[in-house]
Amino acid sequence: EAAVAGALGIKLGGTNYYFGRPENKPILGEG
């Protein structure tokens, strides 16, 4: 994920919801 984020110049990660609960994933890349 980090390698793809860097290649495309985007940010990956952030808040996702699983089974109704939010889960904050680390931000990868510089956006």
PDB file of all heavy atoms in Angstrom:
ATOM      1  N   GLU A   1       0.823  -1.205   0.000  1.00  0.00           N
ATOM      2  CA  GLU A   1       0.000   0.000   0.000  1.00  0.00           C
ATOM      3  C   GLU A   1       0.858   1.257   0.000  1.00  0.00           C
ATOM      4  O   GLU A   1       0.589   2.223  -0.719  1.00  0.00           O
ATOM      5  CB  GLU A   1      -0.938   0.006   1.195  1.00  0.00           C
ATOM      6  CG  GLU A   1      -2.045  -1.039   1.123  1.00  0.00           C
ATOM      7  CD  GLU A   1      -3.011  -0.923   2.298  1.00  0.00           C
ATOM      8  OE1 GLU A   1      -3.391   0.203   2.638  1.00  0.00           O
ATOM      9  OE2 GLU A   1      -3.366  -1.966   2.873  1.00  0.00           O
ATOM     10  N   ALA A   2       1.908   1.269   0.823  1.00  0.00           N
ATOM     11  CA  ALA A   2       2.789   2.433   0.899  1.00  0.00           C
ATOM     12  C   ALA A   2       3.506   2.654  -0.425  1.00  0.00           C
ATOM     13  O   ALA A   2       3.651   3.789  -0.898  1.00  0.00           O
ATOM     14  CB  ALA A   2       3.793   2.255   2.031  1.00  0.00           C
ATOM     15  N   ALA A   3       3.961   1.556  -1.045  1.00  0.00           N
ATOM     16  CA  ALA A   3       4.669   1.670  -2.320  1.00  0.00           C
ATOM     17  C   ALA A   3       3.758   2.217  -3.414  1.00  0.00           C
ATOM     18  O   ALA A   3       4.161   3.065  -4.220  1.00  0.00           O
ATOM     19  CB  ALA A   3       5.236   0.309  -2.726  1.00  0.00           C
ATOM     20  N   VAL A   4       2.508   1.745  -3.464  1.00  0.00           N
ATOM     21  CA  VAL A   4       1.553   2.234  -4.467  1.00  0.00           C
ATOM     22  C   VAL A   4       1.194   3.693  -4.191  1.00  0.00           C
ATOM     23  O   VAL A   4       1.111   4.510  -5.112  1.00  0.00           O
ATOM     24  CB  VAL A   4       0.291   1.355  -4.488  1.00  0.00           C
ATOM     25  CG1 VAL A   4      -0.809   1.996  -5.331  1.00  0.00           C
ATOM     26  CG2 VAL A   4       0.622  -0.033  -5.036  1.00  0.00           C
ATOM     27  N   ALA A   5       0.988   4.040  -2.920  1.00  0.00           N
ATOM     28  CA  ALA A   5       0.675   5.422  -2.559  1.00  0.00           C
ATOM     29  C   ALA A   5       1.787   6.361  -3.005  1.00  0.00           C
ATOM     30  O   ALA A   5       1.527   7.435  -3.575  1.00  0.00           O
ATOM     31  CB  ALA A   5       0.462   5.538  -1.055  1.00  0.00           C
ATOM     32  N   GLY A   6       3.037   5.963  -2.780  1.00  0.00           N
ATOM     33  CA  GLY A   6       4.163   6.786  -3.192  1.00  0.00           C
ATOM     34  C   GLY A   6       4.266   6.902  -4.700  1.00  0.00           C
ATOM     35  O   GLY A   6       4.565   7.979  -5.232  1.00  0.00           O
ATOM     36  N   ALA A   7       4.016   5.813  -5.401  1.00  0.00           N
ATOM     37  CA  ALA A   7       4.104   5.813  -6.860  1.00  0.00           C
ATOM     38  C   ALA A   7       3.082   6.745  -7.492  1.00  0.00           C
ATOM     39  O   ALA A   7       3.363   7.413  -8.494  1.00  0.00           O
ATOM     40  CB  ALA A   7       3.916   4.397  -7.390  1.00  0.00           C
ATOM     41  N   LEU A   8       1.884   6.792  -6.909  1.00  0.00           N
ATOM     42  CA  LEU A   8       0.793   7.596  -7.481  1.00  0.00           C
ATOM     43  C   LEU A   8       0.675   8.978  -6.861  1.00  0.00           C
ATOM     44  O   LEU A   8      -0.141   9.791  -7.306  1.00  0.00           O
ATOM     45  CB  LEU A   8      -0.538   6.839  -7.317  1.00  0.00           C
ATOM     46  CG  LEU A   8      -0.599   5.451  -7.964  1.00  0.00           C
ATOM     47  CD1 LEU A   8      -1.975   4.836  -7.776  1.00  0.00           C
ATOM     48  CD2 LEU A   8      -0.235   5.509  -9.443  1.00  0.00           C
ATOM     49  N   GLY A   9       1.466   9.256  -5.808  1.00  0.00           N
ATOM     50  CA  GLY A   9       1.427  10.573  -5.169  1.00  0.00           C
ATOM     51  C   GLY A   9       0.154  10.831  -4.397  1.00  0.00           C
ATOM     52  O   GLY A   9      -0.285  11.976  -4.290  1.00  0.00           O
ATOM     53  N   ILE A  10      -0.449   9.773  -3.835  1.00  0.00           N
ATOM     54  CA  ILE A  10      -1.717   9.908  -3.118  1.00  0.00           C
ATOM     55  C   ILE A  10      -1.560   9.432  -1.674  1.00  0.00           C
ATOM     56  O   ILE A  10      -0.526   8.881  -1.303  1.00  0.00           O
ATOM     57  CB  ILE A  10      -2.836   9.091  -3.801  1.00  0.00           C
ATOM     58  CG1 ILE A  10      -2.450   7.601  -3.844  1.00  0.00           C
ATOM     59  CG2 ILE A  10      -3.103   9.637  -5.197  1.00  0.00           C
ATOM     60  CD1 ILE A  10      -3.517   6.694  -4.428  1.00  0.00           C
ATOM     61  N   LYS A  11      -2.603   9.663  -0.887  1.00  0.00           N
ATOM     62  CA  LYS A  11      -2.656   9.141   0.476  1.00  0.00           C
ATOM     63  C   LYS A  11      -3.625   7.980   0.545  1.00  0.00           C
ATOM     64  O   LYS A  11      -4.736   8.058   0.013  1.00  0.00           O
ATOM     65  CB  LYS A  11      -3.115  10.233   1.467  1.00  0.00           C
ATOM     66  CG  LYS A  11      -2.070  11.244   1.845  1.00  0.00           C
ATOM     67  CD  LYS A  11      -2.623  12.209   2.894  1.00  0.00           C
ATOM     68  CE  LYS A  11      -1.584  13.249   3.289  1.00  0.00           C
ATOM     69  NZ  LYS A  11      -2.129  14.194   4.299  1.00  0.00           N
ATOM     70  N   LEU A  12      -3.200   6.918   1.208  1.00  0.00           N
ATOM     71  CA  LEU A  12      -4.083   5.800   1.494  1.00  0.00           C
ATOM     72  C   LEU A  12      -4.236   5.684   2.997  1.00  0.00           C
ATOM     73  O   LEU A  12      -3.435   6.224   3.761  1.00  0.00           O
ATOM     74  CB  LEU A  12      -3.517   4.506   0.912  1.00  0.00           C
ATOM     75  CG  LEU A  12      -3.371   4.462  -0.611  1.00  0.00           C
ATOM     76  CD1 LEU A  12      -2.736   3.148  -1.056  1.00  0.00           C
ATOM     77  CD2 LEU A  12      -4.715   4.657  -1.304  1.00  0.00           C
ATOM     78  N   GLY A  13      -5.254   4.959   3.440  1.00  0.00           N
ATOM     79  CA  GLY A  13      -5.537   4.870   4.866  1.00  0.00           C
ATOM     80  C   GLY A  13      -6.586   5.883   5.282  1.00  0.00           C
ATOM     81  O   GLY A  13      -7.118   6.640   4.470  1.00  0.00           O
ATOM     82  N   GLY A  14      -6.902   5.897   6.561  1.00  0.00           N
ATOM     83  CA  GLY A  14      -7.954   6.767   7.078  1.00  0.00           C
ATOM     84  C   GLY A  14      -9.003   5.953   7.806  1.00  0.00           C
ATOM     85  O   GLY A  14      -8.765   4.812   8.190  1.00  0.00           O
ATOM     86  N   THR A  15     -10.180   6.530   7.971  1.00  0.00           N
ATOM     87  CA  THR A  15     -11.235   5.877   8.746  1.00  0.00           C
ATOM     88  C   THR A  15     -12.049   4.921   7.891  1.00  0.00           C
ATOM     89  O   THR A  15     -12.567   5.290   6.843  1.00  0.00           O
ATOM     90  CB  THR A  15     -12.181   6.923   9.368  1.00  0.00           C
ATOM     91  OG1 THR A  15     -11.430   7.819  10.187  1.00  0.00           O
ATOM     92  CG2 THR A  15     -13.242   6.235  10.224  1.00  0.00           C
ATOM     93  N   ASN A  16     -12.137   3.679   8.348  1.00  0.00           N
ATOM     94  CA  ASN A  16     -13.005   2.677   7.735  1.00  0.00           C
ATOM     95  C   ASN A  16     -13.967   2.154   8.802  1.00  0.00           C
ATOM     96  O   ASN A  16     -13.663   2.206   9.996  1.00  0.00           O
ATOM     97  CB  ASN A  16     -12.191   1.503   7.179  1.00  0.00           C
ATOM     98  CG  ASN A  16     -11.184   1.932   6.137  1.00  0.00           C
ATOM     99  OD1 ASN A  16     -11.428   2.837   5.346  1.00  0.00           O
ATOM    100  ND2 ASN A  16     -10.030   1.277   6.132  1.00  0.00           N
ATOM    101  N   TYR A  17     -15.116   1.638   8.350  1.00  0.00           N
ATOM    102  CA  TYR A  17     -16.099   1.089   9.286  1.00  0.00           C
ATOM    103  C   TYR A  17     -16.204  -0.416   9.093  1.00  0.00           C
ATOM    104  O   TYR A  17     -16.358  -0.907   7.973  1.00  0.00           O
ATOM    105  CB  TYR A  17     -17.470   1.737   9.072  1.00  0.00           C
ATOM    106  CG  TYR A  17     -17.566   3.128   9.649  1.00  0.00           C
ATOM    107  CD1 TYR A  17     -17.095   4.223   8.936  1.00  0.00           C
ATOM    108  CD2 TYR A  17     -18.108   3.348  10.919  1.00  0.00           C
ATOM    109  CE1 TYR A  17     -17.164   5.508   9.471  1.00  0.00           C
ATOM    110  CE2 TYR A  17     -18.182   4.626  11.457  1.00  0.00           C
ATOM    111  CZ  TYR A  17     -17.707   5.695  10.730  1.00  0.00           C
ATOM    112  OH  TYR A  17     -17.770   6.960  11.261  1.00  0.00           O
ATOM    113  N   TYR A  18     -16.085  -1.144  10.205  1.00  0.00           N
ATOM    114  CA  TYR A  18     -16.219  -2.595  10.210  1.00  0.00           C
ATOM    115  C   TYR A  18     -17.246  -2.988  11.269  1.00  0.00           C
ATOM    116  O   TYR A  18     -17.092  -2.618  12.431  1.00  0.00           O
ATOM    117  CB  TYR A  18     -14.883  -3.265  10.532  1.00  0.00           C
ATOM    118  CG  TYR A  18     -13.770  -2.934   9.563  1.00  0.00           C
ATOM    119  CD1 TYR A  18     -12.936  -1.838   9.775  1.00  0.00           C
ATOM    120  CD2 TYR A  18     -13.545  -3.708   8.428  1.00  0.00           C
ATOM    121  CE1 TYR A  18     -11.905  -1.537   8.897  1.00  0.00           C
ATOM    122  CE2 TYR A  18     -12.524  -3.419   7.543  1.00  0.00           C
ATOM    123  CZ  TYR A  18     -11.707  -2.327   7.790  1.00  0.00           C
ATOM    124  OH  TYR A  18     -10.690  -2.031   6.917  1.00  0.00           O
ATOM    125  N   PHE A  19     -18.283  -3.700  10.835  1.00  0.00           N
ATOM    126  CA  PHE A  19     -19.319  -4.168  11.757  1.00  0.00           C
ATOM    127  C   PHE A  19     -19.907  -3.009  12.569  1.00  0.00           C
ATOM    128  O   PHE A  19     -20.176  -3.137  13.756  1.00  0.00           O
ATOM    129  CB  PHE A  19     -18.755  -5.240  12.690  1.00  0.00           C
ATOM    130  CG  PHE A  19     -18.051  -6.358  11.985  1.00  0.00           C
ATOM    131  CD1 PHE A  19     -16.668  -6.467  12.034  1.00  0.00           C
ATOM    132  CD2 PHE A  19     -18.767  -7.293  11.244  1.00  0.00           C
ATOM    133  CE1 PHE A  19     -16.009  -7.500  11.375  1.00  0.00           C
ATOM    134  CE2 PHE A  19     -18.120  -8.326  10.578  1.00  0.00           C
ATOM    135  CZ  PHE A  19     -16.740  -8.423  10.647  1.00  0.00           C
ATOM    136  N   GLY A  20     -20.050  -1.851  11.922  1.00  0.00           N
ATOM    137  CA  GLY A  20     -20.656  -0.690  12.557  1.00  0.00           C
ATOM    138  C   GLY A  20     -19.727   0.143  13.408  1.00  0.00           C
ATOM    139  O   GLY A  20     -20.146   1.158  13.970  1.00  0.00           O
ATOM    140  N   ARG A  21     -18.462  -0.251  13.492  1.00  0.00           N
ATOM    141  CA  ARG A  21     -17.510   0.478  14.328  1.00  0.00           C
ATOM    142  C   ARG A  21     -16.423   1.119  13.482  1.00  0.00           C
ATOM    143  O   ARG A  21     -15.888   0.491  12.563  1.00  0.00           O
ATOM    144  CB  ARG A  21     -16.862  -0.472  15.345  1.00  0.00           C
ATOM    145  CG  ARG A  21     -17.847  -1.071  16.341  1.00  0.00           C
ATOM    146  CD  ARG A  21     -17.131  -1.988  17.316  1.00  0.00           C
ATOM    147  NE  ARG A  21     -18.041  -2.561  18.308  1.00  0.00           N
ATOM    148  CZ  ARG A  21     -17.669  -3.395  19.266  1.00  0.00           C
ATOM    149  NH1 ARG A  21     -16.394  -3.770  19.368  1.00  0.00           N
ATOM    150  NH2 ARG A  21     -18.566  -3.872  20.115  1.00  0.00           N
ATOM    151  N   PRO A  22     -16.069   2.384  13.781  1.00  0.00           N
ATOM    152  CA  PRO A  22     -15.002   3.041  13.022  1.00  0.00           C
ATOM    153  C   PRO A  22     -13.634   2.509  13.426  1.00  0.00           C
ATOM    154  O   PRO A  22     -13.395   2.186  14.577  1.00  0.00           O
ATOM    155  CB  PRO A  22     -15.154   4.518  13.418  1.00  0.00           C
ATOM    156  CG  PRO A  22     -15.767   4.478  14.777  1.00  0.00           C
ATOM    157  CD  PRO A  22     -16.674   3.278  14.791  1.00  0.00           C
ATOM    158  N   GLU A  23     -12.751   2.403  12.449  1.00  0.00           N
ATOM    159  CA  GLU A  23     -11.376   1.980  12.704  1.00  0.00           C
ATOM    160  C   GLU A  23     -10.447   2.891  11.903  1.00  0.00           C
ATOM    161  O   GLU A  23     -10.567   2.996  10.685  1.00  0.00           O
ATOM    162  CB  GLU A  23     -11.178   0.529  12.290  1.00  0.00           C
ATOM    163  CG  GLU A  23      -9.794  -0.009  12.615  1.00  0.00           C
ATOM    164  CD  GLU A  23      -9.662  -1.491  12.333  1.00  0.00           C
ATOM    165  OE1 GLU A  23     -10.640  -2.227  12.568  1.00  0.00           O
ATOM    166  OE2 GLU A  23      -8.583  -1.908  11.873  1.00  0.00           O
ATOM    167  N   ASN A  24      -9.555   3.557  12.612  1.00  0.00           N
ATOM    168  CA  ASN A  24      -8.655   4.508  11.964  1.00  0.00           C
ATOM    169  C   ASN A  24      -7.379   3.820  11.511  1.00  0.00           C
ATOM    170  O   ASN A  24      -6.581   3.359  12.322  1.00  0.00           O
ATOM    171  CB  ASN A  24      -8.322   5.664  12.915  1.00  0.00           C
ATOM    172  CG  ASN A  24      -9.537   6.499  13.250  1.00  0.00           C
ATOM    173  OD1 ASN A  24     -10.317   6.852  12.364  1.00  0.00           O
ATOM    174  ND2 ASN A  24      -9.718   6.816  14.517  1.00  0.00           N
ATOM    175  N   LYS A  25      -7.198   3.753  10.202  1.00  0.00           N
ATOM    176  CA  LYS A  25      -6.001   3.158   9.626  1.00  0.00           C
ATOM    177  C   LYS A  25      -4.923   4.244   9.467  1.00  0.00           C
ATOM    178  O   LYS A  25      -5.229   5.396   9.176  1.00  0.00           O
ATOM    179  CB  LYS A  25      -6.315   2.558   8.250  1.00  0.00           C
ATOM    180  CG  LYS A  25      -7.333   1.428   8.282  1.00  0.00           C
ATOM    181  CD  LYS A  25      -6.734   0.160   8.849  1.00  0.00           C
ATOM    182  CE  LYS A  25      -7.696  -1.015   8.708  1.00  0.00           C
ATOM    183  NZ  LYS A  25      -7.126  -2.273   9.216  1.00  0.00           N
ATOM    184  N   PRO A  26      -3.660   3.887   9.656  1.00  0.00           N
ATOM    185  CA  PRO A  26      -2.576   4.865   9.492  1.00  0.00           C
ATOM    186  C   PRO A  26      -2.560   5.447   8.078  1.00  0.00           C
ATOM    187  O   PRO A  26      -2.911   4.769   7.105  1.00  0.00           O
ATOM    188  CB  PRO A  26      -1.309   4.043   9.758  1.00  0.00           C
ATOM    189  CG  PRO A  26      -1.776   2.860  10.535  1.00  0.00           C
ATOM    190  CD  PRO A  26      -3.156   2.565  10.058  1.00  0.00           C
ATOM    191  N   ILE A  27      -2.149   6.696   7.970  1.00  0.00           N
ATOM    192  CA  ILE A  27      -2.049   7.346   6.672  1.00  0.00           C
ATOM    193  C   ILE A  27      -0.736   6.945   6.013  1.00  0.00           C
ATOM    194  O   ILE A  27       0.337   7.062   6.594  1.00  0.00           O
ATOM    195  CB  ILE A  27      -2.114   8.879   6.816  1.00  0.00           C
ATOM    196  CG1 ILE A  27      -3.459   9.295   7.440  1.00  0.00           C
ATOM    197  CG2 ILE A  27      -1.923   9.555   5.461  1.00  0.00           C
ATOM    198  CD1 ILE A  27      -4.665   8.936   6.608  1.00  0.00           C
ATOM    199  N   LEU A  28      -0.840   6.483   4.781  1.00  0.00           N
ATOM    200  CA  LEU A  28       0.328   6.094   4.004  1.00  0.00           C
ATOM    201  C   LEU A  28       0.456   7.020   2.801  1.00  0.00           C
ATOM    202  O   LEU A  28      -0.519   7.247   2.088  1.00  0.00           O
ATOM    203  CB  LEU A  28       0.193   4.646   3.517  1.00  0.00           C
ATOM    204  CG  LEU A  28      -0.159   3.594   4.575  1.00  0.00           C
ATOM    205  CD1 LEU A  28      -0.369   2.238   3.920  1.00  0.00           C
ATOM    206  CD2 LEU A  28       0.919   3.512   5.645  1.00  0.00           C
ATOM    207  N   GLY A  29       1.641   7.554   2.577  1.00  0.00           N
ATOM    208  CA  GLY A  29       1.843   8.455   1.447  1.00  0.00           C
ATOM    209  C   GLY A  29       1.751   9.910   1.857  1.00  0.00           C
ATOM    210  O   GLY A  29       1.490  10.243   3.012  1.00  0.00           O
ATOM    211  N   GLU A  30       1.964  10.787   0.880  1.00  0.00           N
ATOM    212  CA  GLU A  30       2.028  12.229   1.151  1.00  0.00           C
ATOM    213  C   GLU A  30       0.858  13.013   0.579  1.00  0.00           C
ATOM    214  O   GLU A  30       0.665  14.168   0.927  1.00  0.00           O
ATOM    215  CB  GLU A  30       3.348  12.786   0.600  1.00  0.00           C
ATOM    216  CG  GLU A  30       4.564  12.209   1.317  1.00  0.00           C
ATOM    217  CD  GLU A  30       5.881  12.660   0.727  1.00  0.00           C
ATOM    218  OE1 GLU A  30       5.900  13.005  -0.477  1.00  0.00           O
ATOM    219  OE2 GLU A  30       6.885  12.659   1.454  1.00  0.00           O
ATOM    220  N   GLY A  31       0.085  12.424  -0.297  1.00  0.00           N
ATOM    221  CA  GLY A  31      -1.108  13.091  -0.797  1.00  0.00           C
ATOM    222  C   GLY A  31      -0.844  14.318  -1.637  1.00  0.00           C
ATOM    223  O   GLY A  31      -1.531  15.325  -1.502  1.00  0.00           O
TER     224      GLY A  31
END
